[in-house]
C-alpha atoms as a PDB file:
ATOM      1  CA  ARG A   1      25.904  10.251 -17.685  1.00  0.00           C
ATOM      2  CA  GLY A   2      24.430   7.118 -16.232  1.00  0.00           C
ATOM      3  CA  GLY A   3      21.070   5.649 -16.845  1.00  0.00           C
ATOM      4  CA  GLY A   4      18.840   5.925 -13.781  1.00  0.00           C
ATOM      5  CA  GLY A   5      18.617   2.206 -13.124  1.00  0.00           C
ATOM      6  CA  GLY A   6      15.375   0.984 -14.578  1.00  0.00           C
ATOM      7  CA  TYR A   7      14.267  -0.876 -11.462  1.00  0.00           C
ATOM      8  CA  GLY A   8      11.273   1.355 -10.695  1.00  0.00           C
ATOM      9  CA  GLY A   9       8.805  -0.178 -13.140  1.00  0.00           C
ATOM     10  CA  ALA A  10       8.162  -3.443 -11.319  1.00  0.00           C
ATOM     11  CA  GLN A  11       4.559  -2.576 -10.468  1.00  0.00           C
ATOM     12  CA  SER A  12       3.573  -2.869 -14.118  1.00  0.00           C
ATOM     13  CA  PHE A  13       4.437  -6.584 -14.176  1.00  0.00           C
ATOM     14  CA  GLY A  14       1.641  -8.763 -12.895  1.00  0.00           C
ATOM     15  CA  PRO A  15      -1.046  -8.001 -10.355  1.00  0.00           C
ATOM     16  CA  PRO A  16      -0.444  -6.359  -6.964  1.00  0.00           C
ATOM     17  CA  THR A  17      -0.019  -8.634  -3.948  1.00  0.00           C
ATOM     18  CA  GLN A  18      -3.279  -7.322  -2.497  1.00  0.00           C
ATOM     19  CA  VAL A  19      -6.346  -5.931  -4.257  1.00  0.00           C
ATOM     20  CA  PHE A  20      -9.202  -3.909  -2.777  1.00  0.00           C
ATOM     21  CA  GLU A  21     -12.804  -3.776  -3.909  1.00  0.00           C
ATOM     22  CA  MET A  22     -13.206  -0.708  -6.124  1.00  0.00           C
ATOM     23  CA  GLY A  23     -16.708  -0.913  -7.519  1.00  0.00           C
ATOM     24  CA  SER A  24     -19.571  -2.911  -8.914  1.00  0.00           C
ATOM     25  CA  PHE A  25     -20.814  -3.291 -12.470  1.00  0.00           C
ATOM     26  CA  ILE A  26     -23.843  -1.224 -13.524  1.00  0.00           C
ATOM     27  CA  HIS A  27     -23.918  -1.726 -17.309  1.00  0.00           C
ATOM     28  CA  ASP A  28     -21.804  -1.557 -20.446  1.00  0.00           C
ATOM     29  CA  VAL A  29     -21.676   1.744 -22.338  1.00  0.00           C
ATOM     30  CA  GLU A  30     -20.312   1.752 -25.901  1.00  0.00           C
ATOM     31  CA  GLY A  31     -17.987  -1.144 -25.113  1.00  0.00           C
ATOM     32  CA  GLU A  32     -16.799   0.270 -21.786  1.00  0.00           C
ATOM     33  CA  ILE A  33     -17.808  -0.835 -18.294  1.00  0.00           C
ATOM     34  CA  LEU A  34     -19.704   1.625 -16.066  1.00  0.00           C
ATOM     35  CA  CYS A  35     -19.233   0.984 -12.341  1.00  0.00           C
ATOM     36  CA  GLU A  36     -20.431   2.484  -9.104  1.00  0.00           C
ATOM     37  CA  SER A  37     -17.564   2.976  -6.666  1.00  0.00           C
ATOM     38  CA  THR A  38     -17.760   0.993  -3.430  1.00  0.00           C
ATOM     39  CA  ASN A  39     -14.432   2.348  -2.158  1.00  0.00           C
ATOM     40  CA  THR A  40     -14.054   5.520  -0.091  1.00  0.00           C
ATOM     41  CA  LYS A  41     -10.983   6.455  -2.138  1.00  0.00           C
ATOM     42  CA  ILE A  42     -10.730   7.664  -5.731  1.00  0.00           C
ATOM     43  CA  PRO A  43      -8.968   5.497  -8.357  1.00  0.00           C
ATOM     44  CA  TYR A  44      -6.072   6.883 -10.406  1.00  0.00           C
ATOM     45  CA  PHE A  45      -6.755   7.427 -14.095  1.00  0.00           C
ATOM     46  CA  ASN A  46      -5.419   4.459 -16.096  1.00  0.00           C
ATOM     47  CA  ALA A  47      -5.126   2.358 -12.925  1.00  0.00           C
ATOM     48  CA  PRO A  48      -5.347  -1.359 -13.741  1.00  0.00           C
ATOM     49  CA  ILE A  49      -8.603  -3.005 -12.643  1.00  0.00           C
ATOM     50  CA  TYR A  50      -8.831  -6.689 -11.714  1.00  0.00           C
ATOM     51  CA  LEU A  51     -11.301  -9.384 -10.846  1.00  0.00           C
ATOM     52  CA  GLU A  52     -11.098 -10.753  -7.297  1.00  0.00           C
ATOM     53  CA  ASN A  53      -8.742 -13.505  -8.512  1.00  0.00           C
ATOM     54  CA  LYS A  54      -6.403 -10.733  -9.804  1.00  0.00           C
ATOM     55  CA  THR A  55      -7.169 -11.340 -13.473  1.00  0.00           C
ATOM     56  CA  PRO A  56      -6.601  -7.967 -15.173  1.00  0.00           C
ATOM     57  CA  ILE A  57      -9.648  -6.754 -17.100  1.00  0.00           C
ATOM     58  CA  GLY A  58      -8.816  -3.181 -18.080  1.00  0.00           C
ATOM     59  CA  LYS A  59      -7.953   0.320 -16.898  1.00  0.00           C
ATOM     60  CA  VAL A  60      -9.856   3.204 -15.300  1.00  0.00           C
ATOM     61  CA  ASP A  61     -10.885   5.506 -18.144  1.00  0.00           C
ATOM     62  CA  GLU A  62     -13.196   8.166 -16.681  1.00  0.00           C
ATOM     63  CA  ILE A  63     -14.225   9.193 -13.173  1.00  0.00           C
ATOM     64  CA  LEU A  64     -17.728  10.669 -12.894  1.00  0.00           C
ATOM     65  CA  GLY A  65     -20.110  12.136 -10.345  1.00  0.00           C
ATOM     66  CA  PRO A  66     -19.710  14.060  -7.097  1.00  0.00           C
ATOM     67  CA  ILE A  67     -17.071  13.091  -4.558  1.00  0.00           C
ATOM     68  CA  ASN A  68     -19.627  11.318  -2.336  1.00  0.00           C
ATOM     69  CA  SER A  69     -21.177   9.293  -5.170  1.00  0.00           C
ATOM     70  CA  VAL A  70     -18.385   8.296  -7.534  1.00  0.00           C
ATOM     71  CA  TYR A  71     -18.856   6.347 -10.744  1.00  0.00           C
ATOM     72  CA  PHE A  72     -16.084   5.303 -13.090  1.00  0.00           C
ATOM     73  CA  THR A  73     -15.648   3.627 -16.443  1.00  0.00           C
ATOM     74  CA  ILE A  74     -13.223   0.844 -17.279  1.00  0.00           C
ATOM     75  CA  LYS A  75     -11.759   0.530 -20.757  1.00  0.00           C
ATOM     76  CA  PRO A  76     -11.535  -3.264 -21.196  1.00  0.00           C
ATOM     77  CA  GLN A  77      -8.295  -4.763 -22.428  1.00  0.00           C
ATOM     78  CA  GLU A  78      -8.061  -6.929 -25.534  1.00  0.00           C
ATOM     79  CA  GLY A  79     -10.271 -10.007 -25.272  1.00  0.00           C
ATOM     80  CA  ILE A  80     -12.508  -8.653 -22.482  1.00  0.00           C
ATOM     81  CA  GLN A  81     -16.134  -7.942 -23.430  1.00  0.00           C
ATOM     82  CA  ALA A  82     -17.943  -5.282 -21.371  1.00  0.00           C
ATOM     83  CA  LYS A  83     -21.270  -7.014 -22.018  1.00  0.00           C
ATOM     84  CA  SER A  84     -20.011 -10.274 -20.491  1.00  0.00           C
ATOM     85  CA  PHE A  85     -20.381  -8.851 -16.958  1.00  0.00           C
ATOM     86  CA  LYS A  86     -23.621  -8.727 -15.007  1.00  0.00           C
ATOM     87  CA  SER A  87     -25.097  -6.280 -12.522  1.00  0.00           C
ATOM     88  CA  GLY A  88     -23.367  -6.477  -9.162  1.00  0.00           C
ATOM     89  CA  ASP A  89     -20.122  -8.034 -10.443  1.00  0.00           C
ATOM     90  CA  LYS A  90     -17.242  -6.656  -8.357  1.00  0.00           C
ATOM     91  CA  PHE A  91     -14.023  -5.094  -9.623  1.00  0.00           C
ATOM     92  CA  TYR A  92     -10.781  -4.621  -7.704  1.00  0.00           C
ATOM     93  CA  ILE A  93      -7.765  -2.302  -7.681  1.00  0.00           C
ATOM     94  CA  GLY A  94      -4.253  -2.291  -6.224  1.00  0.00           C
ATOM     95  CA  GLY A  95      -3.966  -0.207  -3.039  1.00  0.00           C
ATOM     96  CA  ASP A  96      -1.169   1.886  -4.563  1.00  0.00           C
ATOM     97  CA  LYS A  97      -3.603   3.188  -7.223  1.00  0.00           C
ATOM     98  CA  LEU A  98      -6.032   4.929  -4.864  1.00  0.00           C
ATOM     99  CA  LEU A  99      -6.202   8.587  -3.819  1.00  0.00           C
ATOM    100  CA  PRO A 100      -7.653   9.486  -0.429  1.00  0.00           C
ATOM    101  CA  LEU A 101     -10.575  11.920  -0.618  1.00  0.00           C
ATOM    102  CA  GLU A 102      -8.671  14.575   1.347  1.00  0.00           C
ATOM    103  CA  LYS A 103      -6.425  15.391  -1.638  1.00  0.00           C
END
């Protein structure tokens, strides 16, 4: 009996206190955002992605390419248009949503 608390889900409310650069915009593909990774770590699938000001824009959808040249797609959330970004725009991720390459 007993319910397990329910205090563990706090990370899903609002942006993380610190965000790290994850990648830069290449182009939009069928409504999704294709990015080249600029981080030495790999993002979690479904990890929230933010702008530098911590505005959430979507979630990691696919991770592509070899380990030393990673690309990923972002599935934009409601109201975000993939085609509204331009080449070189930077995207950010919470540090708790990154996997080191060693794994």
